[in-house]
Amino acid sequence: MSHGKDVLDGLRNETAALREKIPGVYEGFAHTHKAALGDGVLSIKHKELIAFGIAVTKQCDGCIASHARGAARAGASLEEAAEAIGVAILMNGGPATVYGPRAYAAFEEFHAQFARLRGAQS
C-alpha cells in the first residue's frame, strides 16, 4: 500500500464534495496554508519538514502524504525526513513509532518522484 499518492488520491473526491458546501472555509485555509508555508526566514523545505513532523504526531495520513510531497518537492533529503520523524517520535512517543514508518514510506515515494523529475530536467 502506498502512503503517499494513493492516500491523496483517495481523499480527492470526498474533499471536493465538502469544498462545494463550504468554499469559504477552504479558501481561508488555502490562504493560511500559502502564508504559513511561503519562503521566509525559514525555507519552504524546513517549513514542510516541520509540518511533516507535526502530521506524524497528529496521526493524519492525508497530512503526512501532503507534507511528505511538499518536503520532497522542496528538496528535503531522506535523512532530513528521517530526522523530522525522529523529533515527532520524541514529542509523541509510541503512536509516532506507528505513523513514523508510514510517513517515511510516503516521503520515500515522493522523494523518488521528484528526484526523477529533477534528473529529467538536467
C-alpha atoms as a PDB file:
ATOM      1  CA  MET A   1       0.000   0.000   0.000  1.00  0.00           C
ATOM      2  CA  SER A   2       1.207   3.461  -0.864  1.00  0.00           C
ATOM      3  CA  HIS A   3       1.141   6.001   1.940  1.00  0.00           C
ATOM      4  CA  GLY A   4       1.694   8.889  -0.453  1.00  0.00           C
ATOM      5  CA  LYS A   5      -0.122   9.358  -3.741  1.00  0.00           C
ATOM      6  CA  ASP A   6      -2.781   6.718  -3.034  1.00  0.00           C
ATOM      7  CA  VAL A   7      -3.764   8.479   0.194  1.00  0.00           C
ATOM      8  CA  LEU A   8      -4.077  11.839  -1.560  1.00  0.00           C
ATOM      9  CA  ASP A   9      -5.994  10.301  -4.467  1.00  0.00           C
ATOM     10  CA  GLY A  10      -8.378   8.607  -2.023  1.00  0.00           C
ATOM     11  CA  LEU A  11      -9.227  11.908  -0.370  1.00  0.00           C
ATOM     12  CA  ARG A  12      -9.775  13.880  -3.591  1.00  0.00           C
ATOM     13  CA  ASN A  13     -13.481  13.171  -4.214  1.00  0.00           C
ATOM     14  CA  GLU A  14     -14.555  13.486  -0.584  1.00  0.00           C
ATOM     15  CA  THR A  15     -12.644  16.744  -0.202  1.00  0.00           C
ATOM     16  CA  ALA A  16     -14.139  18.161  -3.398  1.00  0.00           C
ATOM     17  CA  ALA A  17     -17.668  17.339  -2.204  1.00  0.00           C
ATOM     18  CA  LEU A  18     -17.159  19.095   1.119  1.00  0.00           C
ATOM     19  CA  ARG A  19     -15.375  22.028  -0.530  1.00  0.00           C
ATOM     20  CA  GLU A  20     -18.513  22.650  -2.609  1.00  0.00           C
ATOM     21  CA  LYS A  21     -20.552  23.030   0.590  1.00  0.00           C
ATOM     22  CA  ILE A  22     -18.122  25.281   2.486  1.00  0.00           C
ATOM     23  CA  PRO A  23     -15.944  27.039  -0.102  1.00  0.00           C
ATOM     24  CA  GLY A  24     -15.149  29.987   2.165  1.00  0.00           C
ATOM     25  CA  VAL A  25     -13.612  27.712   4.796  1.00  0.00           C
ATOM     26  CA  TYR A  26     -11.413  26.044   2.198  1.00  0.00           C
ATOM     27  CA  GLU A  27     -10.436  29.382   0.659  1.00  0.00           C
ATOM     28  CA  GLY A  28      -9.449  30.686   4.096  1.00  0.00           C
ATOM     29  CA  PHE A  29      -7.454  27.537   4.834  1.00  0.00           C
ATOM     30  CA  ALA A  30      -5.700  27.783   1.452  1.00  0.00           C
ATOM     31  CA  HIS A  31      -4.767  31.393   2.212  1.00  0.00           C
ATOM     32  CA  THR A  32      -3.383  30.425   5.639  1.00  0.00           C
ATOM     33  CA  HIS A  33      -1.540  27.456   4.110  1.00  0.00           C
ATOM     34  CA  LYS A  34       0.109  29.668   1.497  1.00  0.00           C
ATOM     35  CA  ALA A  35       1.064  32.308   4.068  1.00  0.00           C
ATOM     36  CA  ALA A  36       2.472  29.801   6.564  1.00  0.00           C
ATOM     37  CA  LEU A  37       4.439  27.726   4.070  1.00  0.00           C
ATOM     38  CA  GLY A  38       5.806  30.518   1.900  1.00  0.00           C
ATOM     39  CA  ASP A  39       9.526  31.189   1.799  1.00  0.00           C
ATOM     40  CA  GLY A  40      10.674  33.455   4.603  1.00  0.00           C
ATOM     41  CA  VAL A  41      13.301  33.355   7.329  1.00  0.00           C
ATOM     42  CA  LEU A  42      12.718  29.594   7.310  1.00  0.00           C
ATOM     43  CA  SER A  43      12.897  27.973   3.902  1.00  0.00           C
ATOM     44  CA  ILE A  44       9.908  26.205   2.401  1.00  0.00           C
ATOM     45  CA  LYS A  45      11.828  22.934   2.847  1.00  0.00           C
ATOM     46  CA  HIS A  46      12.222  23.489   6.580  1.00  0.00           C
ATOM     47  CA  LYS A  47       8.600  24.546   6.996  1.00  0.00           C
ATOM     48  CA  GLU A  48       7.426  21.447   5.131  1.00  0.00           C
ATOM     49  CA  LEU A  49       9.618  19.252   7.339  1.00  0.00           C
ATOM     50  CA  ILE A  50       8.096  20.875  10.438  1.00  0.00           C
ATOM     51  CA  ALA A  51       4.586  20.278   9.076  1.00  0.00           C
ATOM     52  CA  PHE A  52       5.594  16.703   8.181  1.00  0.00           C
ATOM     53  CA  GLY A  53       6.687  16.019  11.762  1.00  0.00           C
ATOM     54  CA  ILE A  54       3.521  17.566  13.172  1.00  0.00           C
ATOM     55  CA  ALA A  55       1.451  15.426  10.786  1.00  0.00           C
ATOM     56  CA  VAL A  56       3.045  12.324  12.313  1.00  0.00           C
ATOM     57  CA  THR A  57       2.148  13.475  15.838  1.00  0.00           C
ATOM     58  CA  LYS A  58      -1.409  14.288  14.727  1.00  0.00           C
ATOM     59  CA  GLN A  59      -1.688  10.823  13.122  1.00  0.00           C
ATOM     60  CA  CYS A  60      -3.121  12.316   9.942  1.00  0.00           C
ATOM     61  CA  ASP A  61      -2.406  10.179   6.871  1.00  0.00           C
ATOM     62  CA  GLY A  62      -3.570  12.894   4.466  1.00  0.00           C
ATOM     63  CA  CYS A  63      -1.373  15.482   6.181  1.00  0.00           C
ATOM     64  CA  ILE A  64       1.577  13.091   6.169  1.00  0.00           C
ATOM     65  CA  ALA A  65       1.193  12.473   2.439  1.00  0.00           C
ATOM     66  CA  SER A  66       0.697  16.156   1.641  1.00  0.00           C
ATOM     67  CA  HIS A  67       3.721  17.350   3.597  1.00  0.00           C
ATOM     68  CA  ALA A  68       5.881  14.395   2.505  1.00  0.00           C
ATOM     69  CA  ARG A  69       5.190  15.555  -1.045  1.00  0.00           C
ATOM     70  CA  GLY A  70       5.848  19.188  -0.128  1.00  0.00           C
ATOM     71  CA  ALA A  71       9.115  18.416   1.635  1.00  0.00           C
ATOM     72  CA  ALA A  72      10.308  16.195  -1.210  1.00  0.00           C
ATOM     73  CA  ARG A  73       9.314  18.830  -3.776  1.00  0.00           C
ATOM     74  CA  ALA A  74      11.289  21.415  -1.779  1.00  0.00           C
ATOM     75  CA  GLY A  75      14.393  19.232  -1.937  1.00  0.00           C
ATOM     76  CA  ALA A  76      14.451  17.593   1.502  1.00  0.00           C
ATOM     77  CA  SER A  77      16.652  14.515   1.717  1.00  0.00           C
ATOM     78  CA  LEU A  78      15.744  11.096   3.045  1.00  0.00           C
ATOM     79  CA  GLU A  79      17.967  11.811   6.051  1.00  0.00           C
ATOM     80  CA  GLU A  80      16.204  15.117   6.786  1.00  0.00           C
ATOM     81  CA  ALA A  81      12.802  13.422   6.619  1.00  0.00           C
ATOM     82  CA  ALA A  82      14.005  10.655   8.930  1.00  0.00           C
ATOM     83  CA  GLU A  83      15.282  13.206  11.461  1.00  0.00           C
ATOM     84  CA  ALA A  84      11.989  15.120  11.356  1.00  0.00           C
ATOM     85  CA  ILE A  85      10.218  11.835  12.122  1.00  0.00           C
ATOM     86  CA  GLY A  86      12.697  11.255  14.956  1.00  0.00           C
ATOM     87  CA  VAL A  87      11.656  14.540  16.554  1.00  0.00           C
ATOM     88  CA  ALA A  88       7.995  13.546  16.120  1.00  0.00           C
ATOM     89  CA  ILE A  89       8.721  10.275  17.931  1.00  0.00           C
ATOM     90  CA  LEU A  90      10.397  12.219  20.740  1.00  0.00           C
ATOM     91  CA  MET A  91       7.397  14.520  21.118  1.00  0.00           C
ATOM     92  CA  ASN A  92       4.626  11.946  20.624  1.00  0.00           C
ATOM     93  CA  GLY A  93       6.058   8.629  21.811  1.00  0.00           C
ATOM     94  CA  GLY A  94       4.546   5.293  20.822  1.00  0.00           C
ATOM     95  CA  PRO A  95       1.924   6.455  18.316  1.00  0.00           C
ATOM     96  CA  ALA A  96       4.633   8.203  16.322  1.00  0.00           C
ATOM     97  CA  THR A  97       6.506   4.903  16.053  1.00  0.00           C
ATOM     98  CA  VAL A  98       3.476   3.622  14.122  1.00  0.00           C
ATOM     99  CA  TYR A  99       2.880   6.701  11.977  1.00  0.00           C
ATOM    100  CA  GLY A 100       6.601   7.434  11.534  1.00  0.00           C
ATOM    101  CA  PRO A 101       7.251   4.467   9.241  1.00  0.00           C
ATOM    102  CA  ARG A 102       4.137   5.346   7.228  1.00  0.00           C
ATOM    103  CA  ALA A 103       5.426   8.884   6.900  1.00  0.00           C
ATOM    104  CA  TYR A 104       8.864   7.708   5.832  1.00  0.00           C
ATOM    105  CA  ALA A 105       7.348   5.424   3.189  1.00  0.00           C
ATOM    106  CA  ALA A 106       5.294   8.339   1.847  1.00  0.00           C
ATOM    107  CA  PHE A 107       8.359  10.564   1.801  1.00  0.00           C
ATOM    108  CA  GLU A 108      10.430   7.919   0.002  1.00  0.00           C
ATOM    109  CA  GLU A 109       7.718   7.680  -2.658  1.00  0.00           C
ATOM    110  CA  PHE A 110       7.628  11.422  -3.322  1.00  0.00           C
ATOM    111  CA  HIS A 111      11.409  11.796  -2.950  1.00  0.00           C
ATOM    112  CA  ALA A 112      11.909   9.261  -5.747  1.00  0.00           C
ATOM    113  CA  GLN A 113       9.299  11.001  -7.909  1.00  0.00           C
ATOM    114  CA  PHE A 114      10.912  14.433  -7.574  1.00  0.00           C
ATOM    115  CA  ALA A 115      14.416  13.018  -7.970  1.00  0.00           C
ATOM    116  CA  ARG A 116      13.318  11.557 -11.330  1.00  0.00           C
ATOM    117  CA  LEU A 117      11.814  14.906 -12.339  1.00  0.00           C
ATOM    118  CA  ARG A 118      14.969  16.789 -11.360  1.00  0.00           C
ATOM    119  CA  GLY A 119      17.041  14.251 -13.315  1.00  0.00           C
ATOM    120  CA  ALA A 120      14.856  14.690 -16.377  1.00  0.00           C
ATOM    121  CA  GLN A 121      15.284  18.484 -16.206  1.00  0.00           C
ATOM    122  CA  SER A 122      19.089  18.258 -16.186  1.00  0.00           C
END
